[in-house]
Protein backbone atom coordinates (compact mmCIF):
# COMPACT_ATOMS: atom_id res chain seq x y z
CA MET A 1 -13.38 -7.22 0.37
CA VAL A 2 -13.40 -3.58 0.22
CA PHE A 3 -10.94 -1.20 0.01
CA SER A 4 -11.36 2.28 1.59
CA ALA A 5 -8.80 4.58 0.75
CA THR A 6 -6.63 4.64 3.78
CA PRO A 7 -4.04 8.20 5.51
CA GLU A 8 -1.24 5.28 3.77
CA TYR A 9 -3.28 5.46 0.45
CA TYR A 10 -3.06 8.69 0.56
CA SER A 11 0.37 9.20 1.68
CA LEU A 12 1.73 6.73 -1.39
CA VAL A 13 -0.55 9.27 -3.98
CA LYS A 14 1.22 12.08 -2.26
CA LYS A 15 4.81 10.88 -3.31
CA GLY A 16 3.79 9.91 -6.53
CA GLN A 17 3.31 6.31 -5.73
CA ILE A 18 1.04 3.96 -7.20
CA PRO A 19 -1.11 2.35 -4.52
CA VAL A 20 -2.83 -1.11 -5.80
CA THR A 21 -4.85 -3.56 -4.20
CA SER A 22 -5.73 -6.18 -6.11
CA PRO A 23 -4.46 -8.04 -9.33
CA GLU A 24 -6.76 -6.20 -11.65
CA ASP A 25 -5.15 -2.57 -9.92
CA LEU A 26 -2.18 -3.86 -10.97
CA ILE A 27 -2.65 -4.87 -15.17
CA ARG A 28 -4.51 -1.55 -14.80
CA GLU A 29 -1.82 0.41 -13.62
CA VAL A 30 1.21 -1.45 -15.49
CA ALA A 31 -0.70 -0.74 -18.65
CA ALA A 32 -1.01 2.69 -17.74
CA ILE A 33 2.23 3.32 -17.31
CA ILE A 34 3.29 1.51 -20.53
CA ARG A 35 1.03 3.76 -22.55
CA ASN A 36 2.24 6.90 -20.64
CA ILE A 37 6.17 5.84 -21.19
CA ARG A 38 5.05 5.19 -25.29
CA LYS A 39 3.07 8.18 -25.61
CA GLU A 40 6.25 10.31 -23.54
CA LYS A 41 8.65 8.55 -26.46
CA GLY A 42 6.51 9.42 -29.62
CA LEU A 43 6.38 5.57 -30.17
CA SER A 44 3.01 3.83 -32.00
CA GLN A 45 1.54 0.58 -30.69
CA GLU A 46 3.00 -0.88 -33.70
CA GLU A 47 6.74 0.48 -33.29
CA VAL A 48 6.81 -1.12 -29.25
CA ALA A 49 5.14 -4.54 -30.62
CA GLY A 50 7.61 -4.66 -33.44
CA LEU A 51 7.98 -8.20 -34.41
CA SER A 52 7.62 -9.78 -31.01
CA MET A 53 4.07 -9.66 -30.70
CA SER A 54 1.13 -9.06 -32.55
CA VAL A 55 -0.09 -5.14 -32.49
CA ARG A 56 -3.80 -6.61 -31.27
CA THR A 57 -1.95 -8.29 -28.21
CA PHE A 58 0.10 -5.18 -27.12
CA VAL A 59 -2.91 -3.03 -27.70
CA ARG A 60 -5.19 -5.41 -25.31
CA ILE A 61 -2.26 -5.09 -22.77
CA GLU A 62 -1.64 -1.57 -22.90
CA LYS A 63 -5.61 -1.23 -22.34
CA GLY A 64 -5.69 -3.14 -19.30
CA GLU A 65 -7.60 -5.72 -20.96
CA VAL A 66 -5.30 -8.68 -20.54
CA ALA A 67 -1.96 -9.09 -17.59
CA PRO A 68 1.29 -9.20 -19.59
CA THR A 69 2.89 -11.97 -19.13
CA LEU A 70 6.60 -11.73 -18.19
CA ARG A 71 7.70 -13.02 -22.21
CA SER A 72 5.67 -9.96 -23.02
CA VAL A 73 7.38 -7.88 -20.61
CA TYR A 74 10.60 -8.06 -21.90
CA HIS A 75 9.52 -7.66 -25.54
CA ILE A 76 7.58 -4.04 -24.20
CA ALA A 77 10.34 -2.65 -22.76
CA ARG A 78 12.55 -3.81 -25.17
CA GLY A 79 10.56 -2.09 -27.90
CA LEU A 80 10.21 0.88 -24.99
CA GLY A 81 13.86 1.16 -24.51
CA VAL A 82 13.86 0.88 -21.22
CA GLN A 83 13.90 -1.68 -18.41
CA PRO A 84 11.43 -4.36 -17.17
CA ALA A 85 11.59 -2.66 -13.67
CA ARG A 86 10.34 0.45 -15.04
CA LEU A 87 7.10 -0.80 -16.05
CA PHE A 88 6.67 -1.37 -12.44
CA GLU A 89 8.17 1.79 -11.01
CA GLY A 90 6.07 3.40 -7.96
CA ILE A 91 4.00 0.40 -7.46
CA GLN A 92 3.52 -0.40 -4.27
CA LEU A 93 0.56 -3.19 -2.54
CA LEU A 94 -1.47 -2.12 -0.15
CA GLU A 95 -3.71 -4.65 2.22
CA ARG A 96 -6.99 -4.56 1.85
CA GLU A 97 -9.49 -4.33 4.41
CA ASP A 98 -12.19 -6.85 5.19
């Protein structure tokens, strides 16, 4: 399957939404959201990881190297002081074209 930028894709981008077409895109975009929130709040990776997970695990999630589990999403949201839904805010799934 190949994805091409469609009018729907550009429409979502213009609205400030994040179009994703694969699990890998989703992992990458959630990682970017986590990183942006952490930096906006002036928190270190160590502070967000806290006692809930290793800093190494958090860094790998934030880099998009691994997909966060629901347990990780819970702990990261708590560490960032946000609701879990905030980590997915603006993400819109798009169909991939064959």
